[in-house]
Amino acid sequence: MKLTAAHLLSVPVTFRIALARILYSQHIFVQLSDPASDLTGTGEGVLYRAKPHIAGALLARQVRPALEALSPQFDRDVWRDQLRQWAATEPGVAYALDSAWLDLQARREGCTVAQWLGGPARQSVPVTEQLFIAGGAALDRQLDEILRRGTRHLKLKIGSNPESDVALVRQVRERVRPAVELRVDANHAYTWPAAASLYRRLAELGVRAFEEPLQVRDWSGLRALRRELGVPVILDESILTLEQLQAAIAAEAIDLLNVKLTRVGGITLAQEYIELCSRHGIGVLIGCTEDLGIGTAAILHLATALPACDSMEGLGPQRLGLDVAAPPWQICDGALTLPAGPGLGVELAPNWLDRLPRRVKHFDLLRPDLRLRLFSEGSRLQQRVENVRVRLTRRLGR
């Protein structure tokens, strides 16, 4: 098996969460080829941990030679062990490679990835759309679009301050009515019991789940919140390892796990988290990190293979105003439907590199150079400065 292509796309964004304003969405696309069958698999990942030039070095110096050295008959256990090694440096790289591998395996068998995983349990999955921190006309416009798509699950980013959070949830609830399920994501903005009053007020407004409501891995606070309010707690970025998931379960600090493939390293490694949740009665949601069309396909194939998964997050191409995959994705009656083709069922669009908007930066990760290193260090520094500014502004109450 050979790594025949690896690209980085850096898309400028302005997504505001409680303690940061995200400036870049950085996507890796890889293609794996099987010389024996003349088939190709394509995968996407979103950078989660490493700088772009580190991800590029991982692909060029470690992944490519490791793939070429693998025996043609290697099994899933060998592949899982290899993914763990790559995910330790950058899980988004492991995610892209795993999606490409699954795409290739399913195409070889003449089936979809969902079928290769033992499904699908259904052909479509409801979508949980999300609203980043915003206000005024921007919020009204987004809500109009969401309601037109028939969406029935909505996640609101909160955490600016308690009064703003209550006002936002009240405004959205009045607009979407009880038919739309609301959950909020505070991204660790608050502490317990200081936030007790806020979360009680949000529960009274019909918020049905709290995602990352407290500081990172505050197990005792999360347990107290669950017991006193009786509202399910969703954990996401607090859970970076299986050991952390086991600790949260033992502490009775979790009801649902939001599994993001780019955080855990792809479907193959995500299955370990899902199996652990299943053994302990913890619900599973399949998250999104603004994945474009290829990543959206991987998320959907996994979600359709899980009968107990009530929704998936998305849709990245819609949020970013950009996609490089075909056919295009569209939310219909609040859900996404599996594509009919083999593998992931989507392809990189013809001449996709030539069609990129000027605002999107592109780098060939199999040929890392000084330009990539300069962009990598510069964008990381810019993001850190912006995060400091946002946190300082929030602390000063502006």
Protein backbone atom coordinates (compact mmCIF):
# COMPACT_ATOMS: atom_id res chain seq x y z
CA MET A 1 0.00 0.00 0.00
CA LYS A 2 1.32 3.42 -0.91
CA LEU A 3 0.66 6.96 0.22
CA THR A 4 0.31 8.64 -3.16
CA ALA A 5 -0.88 12.13 -2.15
CA ALA A 6 -1.16 14.30 0.94
CA HIS A 7 -2.43 17.88 0.99
CA LEU A 8 -3.10 20.53 3.60
CA LEU A 9 -5.83 23.11 3.12
CA SER A 10 -5.96 25.99 5.60
CA VAL A 11 -9.32 27.75 5.58
CA PRO A 12 -9.63 31.10 7.43
CA VAL A 13 -12.59 31.23 9.83
CA THR A 14 -13.88 33.36 12.71
CA PHE A 15 -15.58 30.84 14.99
CA ARG A 16 -16.05 32.23 18.51
CA ILE A 17 -16.26 29.88 21.48
CA ALA A 18 -16.10 30.69 25.21
CA LEU A 19 -12.33 31.03 25.62
CA ALA A 20 -11.10 31.43 22.05
CA ARG A 21 -11.84 32.65 18.56
CA ILE A 22 -10.77 30.02 16.05
CA LEU A 23 -8.92 31.56 13.09
CA TYR A 24 -8.09 28.54 10.91
CA SER A 25 -9.68 25.24 9.99
CA GLN A 26 -6.84 23.05 8.74
CA HIS A 27 -7.70 19.96 6.69
CA ILE A 28 -5.49 17.09 5.58
CA PHE A 29 -6.40 15.01 2.52
CA VAL A 30 -4.59 11.76 1.76
CA GLN A 31 -4.86 9.10 -0.91
CA LEU A 32 -3.76 5.49 -0.52
CA SER A 33 -3.31 3.18 -3.49
CA ASP A 34 -3.27 -0.59 -3.71
CA PRO A 35 -1.00 -1.68 -6.61
CA ALA A 36 -2.51 -5.18 -6.62
CA SER A 37 -6.05 -3.97 -7.30
CA ASP A 38 -5.37 -0.58 -8.90
CA LEU A 39 -7.80 0.97 -6.40
CA THR A 40 -7.46 4.22 -4.49
CA GLY A 41 -8.89 5.28 -1.14
CA THR A 42 -9.30 8.90 -0.02
CA GLY A 43 -9.45 10.27 3.51
CA GLU A 44 -9.68 13.60 5.32
CA GLY A 45 -8.70 14.73 8.79
CA VAL A 46 -8.75 18.07 10.60
CA LEU A 47 -5.61 19.01 12.53
CA TYR A 48 -6.27 18.73 16.24
CA ARG A 49 -2.95 18.77 18.05
CA ALA A 50 0.17 19.25 15.91
CA LYS A 51 1.32 22.21 13.85
CA PRO A 52 0.91 21.77 10.08
CA HIS A 53 4.63 21.30 9.46
CA ILE A 54 4.79 18.60 12.14
CA ALA A 55 1.89 16.79 10.46
CA GLY A 56 3.71 17.12 7.14
CA ALA A 57 6.90 15.65 8.60
CA LEU A 58 4.91 12.76 10.09
CA LEU A 59 3.41 11.89 6.71
CA ALA A 60 6.58 12.31 4.65
CA ARG A 61 9.12 10.76 7.02
CA GLN A 62 7.17 8.15 8.97
CA VAL A 63 3.84 7.27 7.39
CA ARG A 64 4.96 6.82 3.79
CA PRO A 65 7.83 4.40 4.54
CA ALA A 66 5.75 2.55 7.17
CA LEU A 67 2.94 1.91 4.67
CA GLU A 68 5.32 0.62 2.04
CA ALA A 69 6.86 -1.77 4.58
CA LEU A 70 3.53 -3.29 5.66
CA SER A 71 2.83 -6.81 4.50
CA PRO A 72 0.08 -6.98 1.85
CA GLN A 73 -1.81 -9.35 4.19
CA PHE A 74 -1.73 -7.16 7.32
CA ASP A 75 -4.88 -7.37 9.45
CA ARG A 76 -7.00 -4.90 11.44
CA ASP A 77 -4.98 -5.37 14.63
CA VAL A 78 -1.76 -4.42 12.86
CA TRP A 79 -3.49 -1.42 11.33
CA ARG A 80 -4.92 -0.34 14.71
CA ASP A 81 -1.49 -0.50 16.33
CA GLN A 82 0.00 1.56 13.54
CA LEU A 83 -2.76 4.16 13.82
CA ARG A 84 -2.10 4.52 17.55
CA GLN A 85 1.52 5.45 16.84
CA TRP A 86 0.54 8.14 14.34
CA ALA A 87 -2.34 9.43 16.48
CA ALA A 88 0.08 10.06 19.35
CA THR A 89 1.64 12.81 17.21
CA GLU A 90 -1.46 14.03 15.36
CA PRO A 91 -4.84 12.22 15.53
CA GLY A 92 -6.07 14.18 12.50
CA VAL A 93 -3.42 12.47 10.37
CA ALA A 94 -4.45 9.06 11.72
CA TYR A 95 -8.09 9.92 10.97
CA ALA A 96 -7.33 10.83 7.36
CA LEU A 97 -5.28 7.67 6.84
CA ASP A 98 -7.88 5.44 8.49
CA SER A 99 -10.69 6.89 6.36
CA ALA A 100 -8.63 6.33 3.21
CA TRP A 101 -7.86 2.75 4.30
CA LEU A 102 -11.53 2.02 5.02
CA ASP A 103 -12.52 3.59 1.71
CA LEU A 104 -10.01 1.32 -0.02
CA GLN A 105 -11.08 -1.83 1.83
CA ALA A 106 -14.77 -1.27 1.12
CA ARG A 107 -14.13 -0.53 -2.55
CA ARG A 108 -12.13 -3.75 -2.79
CA GLU A 109 -15.11 -5.65 -1.36
CA GLY A 110 -17.62 -3.77 -3.53
CA CYS A 111 -19.54 -2.41 -0.55
CA THR A 112 -19.94 0.79 1.44
CA VAL A 113 -17.85 1.63 4.50
CA ALA A 114 -21.02 1.37 6.63
CA GLN A 115 -21.54 -2.19 5.35
CA TRP A 116 -17.88 -3.02 5.97
CA LEU A 117 -18.40 -1.87 9.57
CA GLY A 118 -21.36 -4.23 9.98
CA GLY A 119 -24.17 -1.81 9.13
CA PRO A 120 -25.88 0.27 8.15
CA ALA A 121 -28.64 0.25 10.70
CA ARG A 122 -30.37 3.02 8.70
CA GLN A 123 -29.78 5.08 5.58
CA SER A 124 -29.94 8.57 7.11
CA VAL A 125 -29.06 10.26 10.39
CA PRO A 126 -30.49 13.46 11.94
CA VAL A 127 -28.01 16.33 12.07
CA THR A 128 -27.23 18.47 15.11
CA GLU A 129 -26.36 21.87 13.72
CA GLN A 130 -24.32 24.25 15.85
CA LEU A 131 -24.24 27.98 16.40
CA PHE A 132 -21.03 29.64 17.47
CA ILE A 133 -21.17 32.69 19.74
CA ALA A 134 -22.74 35.50 17.74
CA GLY A 135 -25.60 37.92 17.96
CA GLY A 136 -27.88 40.32 16.14
CA ALA A 137 -28.52 39.87 12.44
CA ALA A 138 -25.97 37.07 12.08
CA LEU A 139 -27.81 34.92 14.60
CA ASP A 140 -31.21 35.62 13.03
CA ARG A 141 -29.89 34.73 9.58
CA GLN A 142 -28.40 31.45 10.77
CA LEU A 143 -31.60 30.47 12.56
CA ASP A 144 -33.63 31.19 9.42
CA GLU A 145 -31.40 28.86 7.41
CA ILE A 146 -31.47 26.15 10.06
CA LEU A 147 -35.26 26.15 10.25
CA ARG A 148 -35.54 26.03 6.45
CA ARG A 149 -33.45 22.85 6.44
CA GLY A 150 -35.84 21.15 8.85
CA THR A 151 -33.20 20.71 11.55
CA ARG A 152 -34.53 19.37 14.84
CA HIS A 153 -31.31 19.27 16.91
CA LEU A 154 -29.32 22.41 17.70
CA LYS A 155 -26.17 23.03 19.76
CA LEU A 156 -25.44 26.53 21.03
CA LYS A 157 -21.94 27.65 21.98
CA ILE A 158 -22.11 29.60 25.25
CA GLY A 159 -19.67 30.87 27.86
CA SER A 160 -19.35 34.63 27.34
CA ASN A 161 -21.06 35.33 30.69
CA PRO A 162 -24.15 33.95 32.45
CA GLU A 163 -26.54 36.76 31.51
CA SER A 164 -25.55 36.66 27.84
CA ASP A 165 -25.92 32.89 27.84
CA VAL A 166 -29.44 33.03 29.28
CA ALA A 167 -30.46 35.76 26.84
CA LEU A 168 -29.09 33.74 23.89
CA VAL A 169 -30.86 30.54 24.88
CA ARG A 170 -34.11 32.39 25.53
CA GLN A 171 -33.91 34.11 22.13
CA VAL A 172 -33.23 30.85 20.30
CA ARG A 173 -35.86 28.91 22.23
CA GLU A 174 -38.53 31.50 21.42
CA ARG A 175 -37.55 31.33 17.77
CA VAL A 176 -37.32 27.57 17.23
CA ARG A 177 -40.10 26.51 19.65
CA PRO A 178 -40.13 23.15 21.49
CA ALA A 179 -39.93 21.11 18.29
CA VAL A 180 -36.16 21.71 18.12
CA GLU A 181 -34.01 20.05 20.78
CA LEU A 182 -31.45 22.42 22.32
CA ARG A 183 -28.18 21.61 23.97
CA VAL A 184 -25.42 24.00 25.00
CA ASP A 185 -21.64 23.72 24.87
CA ALA A 186 -19.73 25.90 27.33
CA ASN A 187 -16.24 24.66 26.31
CA HIS A 188 -15.10 24.66 29.99
CA ALA A 189 -16.04 28.27 30.65
CA TYR A 190 -17.47 27.78 34.15
CA THR A 191 -16.87 26.16 37.53
CA TRP A 192 -19.24 24.35 39.87
CA PRO A 193 -20.96 25.44 42.10
CA ALA A 194 -20.43 29.02 40.82
CA ALA A 195 -22.35 28.11 37.65
CA ALA A 196 -25.20 26.29 39.45
CA SER A 197 -27.65 29.17 39.03
CA LEU A 198 -26.85 29.55 35.32
CA TYR A 199 -27.40 25.90 34.52
CA ARG A 200 -30.65 25.76 36.47
CA ARG A 201 -31.96 28.71 34.45
CA LEU A 202 -30.89 27.07 31.19
CA ALA A 203 -32.62 23.84 32.18
CA GLU A 204 -35.81 25.81 32.84
CA LEU A 205 -35.55 27.20 29.29
CA GLY A 206 -35.64 23.67 27.90
CA VAL A 207 -31.95 22.91 27.40
CA ARG A 208 -31.86 19.12 27.25
CA ALA A 209 -28.11 18.47 27.59
CA PHE A 210 -24.97 20.28 28.75
CA GLU A 211 -21.77 19.70 26.78
CA GLU A 212 -18.46 20.37 28.56
CA PRO A 213 -20.25 22.57 31.12
CA LEU A 214 -17.33 22.80 33.59
CA GLN A 215 -13.58 23.09 33.67
CA VAL A 216 -11.61 20.25 32.09
CA ARG A 217 -12.05 16.93 33.89
CA ASP A 218 -13.79 18.35 36.96
CA TRP A 219 -15.26 14.93 37.70
CA SER A 220 -16.71 15.82 41.11
CA GLY A 221 -18.36 18.97 39.78
CA LEU A 222 -19.84 17.11 36.81
CA ARG A 223 -21.22 14.44 39.10
CA ALA A 224 -22.82 17.11 41.30
CA LEU A 225 -24.31 18.88 38.27
CA ARG A 226 -25.83 15.64 36.97
CA ARG A 227 -27.34 14.78 40.32
CA GLU A 228 -28.72 18.20 41.19
CA LEU A 229 -30.13 19.17 37.79
CA GLY A 230 -30.92 15.80 36.28
CA VAL A 231 -29.81 17.04 32.83
CA PRO A 232 -27.49 14.79 30.78
CA VAL A 233 -23.82 15.78 30.59
CA ILE A 234 -21.96 15.37 27.29
CA LEU A 235 -18.17 15.19 27.34
CA ASP A 236 -16.05 15.93 24.30
CA GLU A 237 -12.56 17.43 24.49
CA SER A 238 -12.21 16.34 28.13
CA ILE A 239 -11.81 12.79 26.85
CA LEU A 240 -8.55 12.39 24.95
CA THR A 241 -7.75 8.81 26.00
CA LEU A 242 -9.55 5.63 26.94
CA GLU A 243 -8.16 6.03 30.45
CA GLN A 244 -9.85 9.43 30.79
CA LEU A 245 -13.12 7.94 29.58
CA GLN A 246 -12.83 5.17 32.17
CA ALA A 247 -12.16 7.78 34.88
CA ALA A 248 -15.21 9.84 33.87
CA ILE A 249 -17.42 6.75 33.92
CA ALA A 250 -16.09 5.64 37.31
CA ALA A 251 -16.71 9.14 38.71
CA GLU A 252 -20.30 9.16 37.37
CA ALA A 253 -19.42 12.35 35.47
CA ILE A 254 -20.79 11.50 32.01
CA ASP A 255 -24.03 10.57 30.27
CA LEU A 256 -22.99 10.90 26.62
CA LEU A 257 -19.67 10.96 24.77
CA ASN A 258 -19.30 13.15 21.70
CA VAL A 259 -16.89 11.10 19.58
CA LYS A 260 -14.93 13.30 17.18
CA LEU A 261 -12.96 11.22 14.70
CA THR A 262 -10.27 13.84 14.28
CA ARG A 263 -9.70 13.85 18.05
CA VAL A 264 -9.50 10.08 18.59
CA GLY A 265 -7.71 9.18 15.33
CA GLY A 266 -10.42 7.83 13.02
CA ILE A 267 -13.14 5.19 12.95
CA THR A 268 -10.92 2.23 13.83
CA LEU A 269 -9.74 3.82 17.09
CA ALA A 270 -13.15 5.39 17.78
CA GLN A 271 -14.66 1.91 17.94
CA GLU A 272 -12.74 1.29 21.18
CA TYR A 273 -14.37 4.34 22.79
CA ILE A 274 -17.78 3.33 21.49
CA GLU A 275 -17.41 -0.23 22.82
CA LEU A 276 -16.38 1.05 26.25
CA CYS A 277 -19.40 3.38 26.32
CA SER A 278 -21.69 0.52 25.31
CA ARG A 279 -20.46 -1.68 28.17
CA HIS A 280 -21.27 1.04 30.71
CA GLY A 281 -24.55 2.38 29.31
CA ILE A 282 -23.04 5.67 28.10
CA GLY A 283 -24.68 7.17 25.02
CA VAL A 284 -22.67 8.11 21.92
CA LEU A 285 -22.91 11.06 19.57
CA ILE A 286 -20.69 11.43 16.50
CA GLY A 287 -19.14 14.88 16.43
CA CYS A 288 -17.72 17.14 13.73
CA THR A 289 -14.78 19.54 13.56
CA GLU A 290 -16.02 21.31 10.44
CA ASP A 291 -14.91 18.33 8.33
CA LEU A 292 -15.36 18.90 4.61
CA GLY A 293 -17.08 16.43 2.26
CA ILE A 294 -14.75 13.44 2.63
CA GLY A 295 -14.72 13.70 6.43
CA THR A 296 -18.49 14.18 6.49
CA ALA A 297 -18.83 10.88 4.65
CA ALA A 298 -16.68 9.07 7.23
CA ILE A 299 -18.75 10.54 10.08
CA LEU A 300 -22.01 9.55 8.41
CA HIS A 301 -20.92 5.98 7.64
CA LEU A 302 -19.98 5.46 11.27
CA ALA A 303 -23.18 7.09 12.56
CA THR A 304 -25.41 4.93 10.32
CA ALA A 305 -23.65 1.81 11.59
CA LEU A 306 -24.61 2.70 15.20
CA PRO A 307 -28.34 2.11 15.81
CA ALA A 308 -28.30 3.93 19.17
CA CYS A 309 -26.68 7.13 17.83
CA ASP A 310 -29.49 9.71 17.73
CA SER A 311 -27.66 12.38 15.72
CA MET A 312 -24.40 13.45 14.13
CA GLU A 313 -22.85 16.92 14.06
CA GLY A 314 -22.30 18.84 10.86
CA LEU A 315 -22.28 20.08 8.22
CA GLY A 316 -18.69 21.30 7.69
CA PRO A 317 -18.96 22.37 4.02
CA GLN A 318 -21.98 24.45 4.94
CA ARG A 319 -20.18 26.14 7.85
CA LEU A 320 -17.02 26.85 5.84
CA GLY A 321 -18.70 27.77 2.57
CA LEU A 322 -16.32 25.40 0.79
CA ASP A 323 -16.02 21.80 -0.31
CA VAL A 324 -13.69 19.79 -2.51
CA ALA A 325 -15.77 16.60 -2.72
CA ALA A 326 -18.44 15.35 -5.09
CA PRO A 327 -21.34 14.84 -4.95
CA PRO A 328 -22.19 17.84 -2.74
CA TRP A 329 -23.81 17.40 0.66
CA GLN A 330 -27.19 18.80 1.60
CA ILE A 331 -29.28 18.55 4.76
CA CYS A 332 -32.80 17.44 3.82
CA ASP A 333 -35.57 17.39 6.42
CA GLY A 334 -32.96 17.73 9.15
CA ALA A 335 -30.87 14.71 8.13
CA LEU A 336 -28.03 13.49 5.91
CA THR A 337 -28.41 10.41 3.74
CA LEU A 338 -25.72 7.87 2.88
CA PRO A 339 -24.35 8.16 -0.65
CA ALA A 340 -25.00 5.10 -2.80
CA GLY A 341 -21.51 4.46 -4.15
CA PRO A 342 -18.88 2.02 -2.86
CA GLY A 343 -16.42 2.94 -0.13
CA LEU A 344 -17.17 6.34 1.36
CA GLY A 345 -19.35 7.09 -1.67
CA VAL A 346 -17.71 10.45 -2.38
CA GLU A 347 -14.66 11.52 -4.37
CA LEU A 348 -12.42 14.53 -4.59
CA ALA A 349 -13.98 16.70 -7.28
CA PRO A 350 -12.22 16.87 -10.66
CA ASN A 351 -9.49 19.55 -10.70
CA TRP A 352 -10.30 20.37 -7.08
CA LEU A 353 -6.94 21.99 -6.42
CA ASP A 354 -7.43 24.40 -9.31
CA ARG A 355 -10.83 25.44 -7.96
CA LEU A 356 -9.76 26.50 -4.48
CA PRO A 357 -10.71 30.06 -3.47
CA ARG A 358 -7.80 32.45 -3.05
CA ARG A 359 -8.46 32.69 0.68
CA VAL A 360 -7.58 28.99 1.12
CA LYS A 361 -3.89 28.14 1.44
CA HIS A 362 -2.66 24.84 0.00
CA PHE A 363 0.49 22.84 0.78
CA ASP A 364 1.79 19.53 -0.58
CA LEU A 365 2.61 17.61 2.59
CA LEU A 366 4.75 15.03 0.82
CA ARG A 367 7.10 17.85 -0.13
CA PRO A 368 7.28 19.97 3.03
CA ASP A 369 9.27 23.16 2.58
CA LEU A 370 10.18 26.41 4.32
CA ARG A 371 6.93 28.04 3.19
CA LEU A 372 4.94 25.44 5.14
CA ARG A 373 7.13 25.88 8.22
CA LEU A 374 6.73 29.67 8.18
CA PHE A 375 2.97 29.45 7.76
CA SER A 376 2.74 26.77 10.44
CA GLU A 377 4.59 28.76 13.08
CA GLY A 378 2.94 32.04 12.11
CA SER A 379 -0.62 30.72 12.21
CA ARG A 380 -0.05 29.02 15.58
CA LEU A 381 1.36 32.24 17.07
CA GLN A 382 -1.54 34.26 15.66
CA GLN A 383 -4.03 31.80 17.19
CA ARG A 384 -2.39 31.97 20.60
CA VAL A 385 -2.38 35.77 20.61
CA GLU A 386 -6.05 35.82 19.64
CA ASN A 387 -6.95 33.35 22.39
CA VAL A 388 -5.20 35.53 24.98
CA ARG A 389 -7.10 38.57 23.70
CA VAL A 390 -10.46 36.76 23.90
CA ARG A 391 -9.83 35.52 27.44
CA LEU A 392 -8.68 38.90 28.62
CA THR A 393 -11.71 40.59 27.08
CA ARG A 394 -14.00 38.03 28.71
CA ARG A 395 -12.35 38.55 32.11
CA LEU A 396 -12.78 42.30 31.85
CA GLY A 397 -16.45 41.81 30.98
CA ARG A 398 -16.33 43.58 27.65
